[in-house]
Amino acid sequence: MHAFHPLILASASPRRLELLARIGIVPQQVIPAEIDETPQQGELPGPYALRVSLAKARAVAARHPGIPVLAADTVVACGRRILPKAESEAEARHCLDLLSGRRHRVYTALALIDAQGRERTRLSMTQLRFKRLSPEEKESYLQCGEWRGKAGGYAIQGRAAAFIPWISGSYENVMGLPLYEAAQLLA
């Protein structure tokens, strides 16, 4: 049995809600923050994720003063390049081409604005390696549609798990919410 927490989750992600529930936290409200998430010129992945998560938290906290707000932003990075949240098959294919046979990093930034308006942030980073994907594997993955709306064009908790022989760091971070960092921030 989970108790509702006096907390707003500023996210449109059903996975983040499920992940929080794993550690016994059920926010009283879920309110997606409608903000511009365009990376700034030359912005690096970690600082970008921190900036966007804080902007999401601030946007929601401004409309709900006195209630703690938790926001998160997950970024898949290949080198210094921030990969998009794939919305088209062409974007997803481009991401798979970049990730195939290479290591990459996933950053999730968490931002909490407490009831008094104080801001705290955490940044989690996980390294992963993708196997070299055959043209058939890419096509099969693109056809399943699981990539839609996912940072870097894949979901580790789905079929893409078969492409990842090595991971260092938090698995939940790659899903979109590092649970250890979330628990520390909310404690």
Protein backbone atom coordinates (compact mmCIF):
# COMPACT_ATOMS: atom_id res chain seq x y z
CA MET A 1 0.00 0.00 0.00
CA HIS A 2 1.45 3.34 -1.05
CA ALA A 3 0.58 6.60 0.65
CA PHE A 4 0.13 9.71 -1.44
CA HIS A 5 2.95 12.17 -0.90
CA PRO A 6 2.38 15.93 -0.86
CA LEU A 7 4.39 16.16 -4.06
CA ILE A 8 3.79 17.09 -7.67
CA LEU A 9 5.66 15.11 -10.31
CA ALA A 10 6.31 17.52 -13.18
CA SER A 11 6.45 14.88 -15.90
CA ALA A 12 4.45 13.38 -18.73
CA SER A 13 6.29 10.04 -18.36
CA PRO A 14 4.28 7.08 -17.04
CA ARG A 15 7.62 5.32 -16.41
CA ARG A 16 8.70 7.97 -13.90
CA LEU A 17 5.47 7.48 -11.98
CA GLU A 18 5.99 3.68 -11.95
CA LEU A 19 9.61 4.09 -10.83
CA LEU A 20 8.69 6.39 -7.94
CA ALA A 21 6.05 3.87 -6.82
CA ARG A 22 8.82 1.22 -6.59
CA ILE A 23 10.33 3.21 -3.71
CA GLY A 24 6.94 3.87 -2.10
CA ILE A 25 6.37 7.37 -3.42
CA VAL A 26 3.08 8.20 -5.09
CA PRO A 27 2.79 11.92 -5.91
CA GLN A 28 -0.56 13.54 -5.17
CA GLN A 29 -0.51 15.09 -8.66
CA VAL A 30 1.23 14.59 -11.98
CA ILE A 31 1.45 17.77 -14.04
CA PRO A 32 3.55 17.80 -17.21
CA ALA A 33 5.58 20.99 -17.62
CA GLU A 34 5.06 22.45 -21.06
CA ILE A 35 8.42 24.12 -21.69
CA ASP A 36 10.80 24.63 -24.60
CA GLU A 37 13.40 21.85 -24.40
CA THR A 38 15.57 23.03 -27.29
CA PRO A 39 19.28 22.66 -26.47
CA GLN A 40 21.22 25.92 -26.54
CA GLN A 41 24.13 26.37 -28.94
CA GLY A 42 27.09 24.27 -27.73
CA GLU A 43 25.29 23.10 -24.58
CA LEU A 44 26.74 19.91 -23.10
CA PRO A 45 24.46 16.99 -22.14
CA GLY A 46 24.79 17.16 -18.32
CA PRO A 47 24.31 20.93 -17.98
CA TYR A 48 21.45 20.74 -20.53
CA ALA A 49 19.61 18.07 -18.48
CA LEU A 50 20.07 20.12 -15.28
CA ARG A 51 18.81 23.32 -16.94
CA VAL A 52 15.74 21.61 -18.42
CA SER A 53 14.79 19.70 -15.25
CA LEU A 54 15.00 22.92 -13.22
CA ALA A 55 12.95 24.81 -15.83
CA LYS A 56 10.27 22.08 -15.66
CA ALA A 57 10.17 22.23 -11.85
CA ARG A 58 10.02 26.05 -11.84
CA ALA A 59 7.22 26.13 -14.43
CA VAL A 60 5.01 23.83 -12.35
CA ALA A 61 6.02 25.26 -8.93
CA ALA A 62 5.07 28.77 -10.09
CA ARG A 63 1.47 27.56 -10.55
CA HIS A 64 1.40 25.52 -7.28
CA PRO A 65 3.24 27.42 -4.55
CA GLY A 66 3.77 25.64 -1.23
CA ILE A 67 3.73 22.13 -2.73
CA PRO A 68 7.03 20.34 -3.43
CA VAL A 69 7.67 19.72 -7.14
CA LEU A 70 9.96 17.05 -8.57
CA ALA A 71 11.02 17.21 -12.21
CA ALA A 72 13.43 15.15 -14.28
CA ASP A 73 15.05 15.28 -17.68
CA THR A 74 16.81 12.38 -19.38
CA VAL A 75 19.35 12.86 -22.14
CA VAL A 76 21.09 10.28 -24.30
CA ALA A 77 24.51 11.53 -25.37
CA CYS A 78 26.88 10.19 -27.99
CA GLY A 79 30.12 12.02 -27.30
CA ARG A 80 29.14 15.68 -26.81
CA ARG A 81 26.06 15.27 -29.00
CA ILE A 82 22.60 15.28 -27.41
CA LEU A 83 20.39 12.78 -29.23
CA PRO A 84 16.76 13.77 -29.81
CA LYS A 85 13.59 12.26 -28.38
CA ALA A 86 12.79 10.33 -31.55
CA GLU A 87 9.45 11.37 -33.01
CA SER A 88 9.94 10.06 -36.56
CA GLU A 89 11.32 6.80 -37.93
CA ALA A 90 14.09 8.80 -39.63
CA GLU A 91 15.17 10.28 -36.26
CA ALA A 92 15.06 6.85 -34.60
CA ARG A 93 17.12 5.33 -37.45
CA HIS A 94 19.70 8.12 -37.13
CA CYS A 95 19.98 7.45 -33.36
CA LEU A 96 20.39 3.69 -33.88
CA ASP A 97 23.06 4.33 -36.53
CA LEU A 98 24.99 6.55 -34.08
CA LEU A 99 24.64 4.16 -31.13
CA SER A 100 25.38 0.91 -33.00
CA GLY A 101 28.66 -0.65 -31.85
CA ARG A 102 29.49 2.27 -29.54
CA ARG A 103 29.44 3.35 -25.93
CA HIS A 104 27.21 6.21 -24.95
CA ARG A 105 26.03 7.97 -21.78
CA VAL A 106 22.59 8.64 -20.37
CA TYR A 107 22.16 11.57 -18.00
CA THR A 108 19.11 12.17 -15.87
CA ALA A 109 18.89 15.41 -13.94
CA LEU A 110 16.46 15.71 -11.05
CA ALA A 111 15.23 19.04 -9.72
CA LEU A 112 13.24 19.44 -6.53
CA ILE A 113 11.65 22.68 -5.41
CA ASP A 114 10.49 22.22 -1.82
CA ALA A 115 7.45 23.78 -0.13
CA GLN A 116 9.58 26.80 0.89
CA GLY A 117 10.77 27.35 -2.69
CA ARG A 118 14.33 26.05 -2.16
CA GLU A 119 15.84 24.38 -5.21
CA ARG A 120 18.00 21.24 -5.15
CA THR A 121 19.31 19.21 -8.05
CA ARG A 122 21.05 15.88 -8.69
CA LEU A 123 22.65 14.53 -11.86
CA SER A 124 23.02 10.82 -12.54
CA MET A 125 25.08 9.36 -15.39
CA THR A 126 25.07 5.81 -16.74
CA GLN A 127 27.38 4.44 -19.43
CA LEU A 128 26.18 1.78 -21.83
CA ARG A 129 27.44 -0.06 -24.86
CA PHE A 130 25.30 -1.03 -27.82
CA LYS A 131 26.22 -4.09 -29.84
CA ARG A 132 26.84 -3.54 -33.54
CA LEU A 133 23.33 -3.71 -35.00
CA SER A 134 22.66 -5.56 -38.23
CA PRO A 135 20.37 -3.90 -40.80
CA GLU A 136 17.73 -6.52 -39.91
CA GLU A 137 17.93 -5.73 -36.19
CA LYS A 138 17.52 -2.01 -36.90
CA GLU A 139 14.53 -2.61 -39.17
CA SER A 140 12.86 -4.94 -36.70
CA TYR A 141 13.31 -2.41 -33.89
CA LEU A 142 12.02 0.46 -36.01
CA GLN A 143 8.94 -1.60 -36.96
CA CYS A 144 8.04 -2.32 -33.31
CA GLY A 145 7.60 1.44 -32.71
CA GLU A 146 8.92 1.26 -29.16
CA TRP A 147 11.39 4.09 -29.92
CA ARG A 148 8.66 6.73 -30.36
CA GLY A 149 9.15 9.65 -27.94
CA LYS A 150 12.20 8.03 -26.31
CA ALA A 151 15.45 9.91 -25.77
CA GLY A 152 18.03 8.44 -28.13
CA GLY A 153 15.34 6.44 -29.93
CA TYR A 154 15.28 3.40 -27.64
CA ALA A 155 13.73 2.02 -24.45
CA ILE A 156 16.12 -0.07 -22.34
CA GLN A 157 13.18 -1.72 -20.55
CA GLY A 158 11.89 -3.12 -23.86
CA ARG A 159 13.33 -4.89 -26.88
CA ALA A 160 16.46 -2.71 -26.95
CA ALA A 161 17.65 -4.60 -23.84
CA ALA A 162 18.85 -7.27 -26.31
CA PHE A 163 21.26 -4.69 -27.84
CA ILE A 164 23.05 -3.75 -24.59
CA PRO A 165 25.82 -6.13 -23.47
CA TRP A 166 27.33 -3.71 -20.93
CA ILE A 167 26.03 -1.07 -18.54
CA SER A 168 27.79 0.85 -15.78
CA GLY A 169 25.60 2.82 -13.41
CA SER A 170 21.89 3.00 -12.64
CA TYR A 171 19.56 1.02 -14.91
CA GLU A 172 16.59 3.11 -13.69
CA ASN A 173 18.48 6.23 -14.70
CA VAL A 174 18.33 5.02 -18.31
CA MET A 175 14.58 4.46 -17.88
CA GLY A 176 14.27 8.10 -16.81
CA LEU A 177 14.49 8.28 -13.01
CA PRO A 178 17.53 7.26 -10.94
CA LEU A 179 15.88 5.90 -7.79
CA TYR A 180 18.79 6.29 -5.39
CA GLU A 181 19.20 9.97 -6.28
CA ALA A 182 15.42 10.54 -6.17
CA ALA A 183 15.18 8.99 -2.70
CA GLN A 184 18.12 11.10 -1.44
CA LEU A 185 16.61 14.28 -2.86
CA LEU A 186 13.17 13.58 -1.37
CA ALA A 187 14.45 12.42 2.05
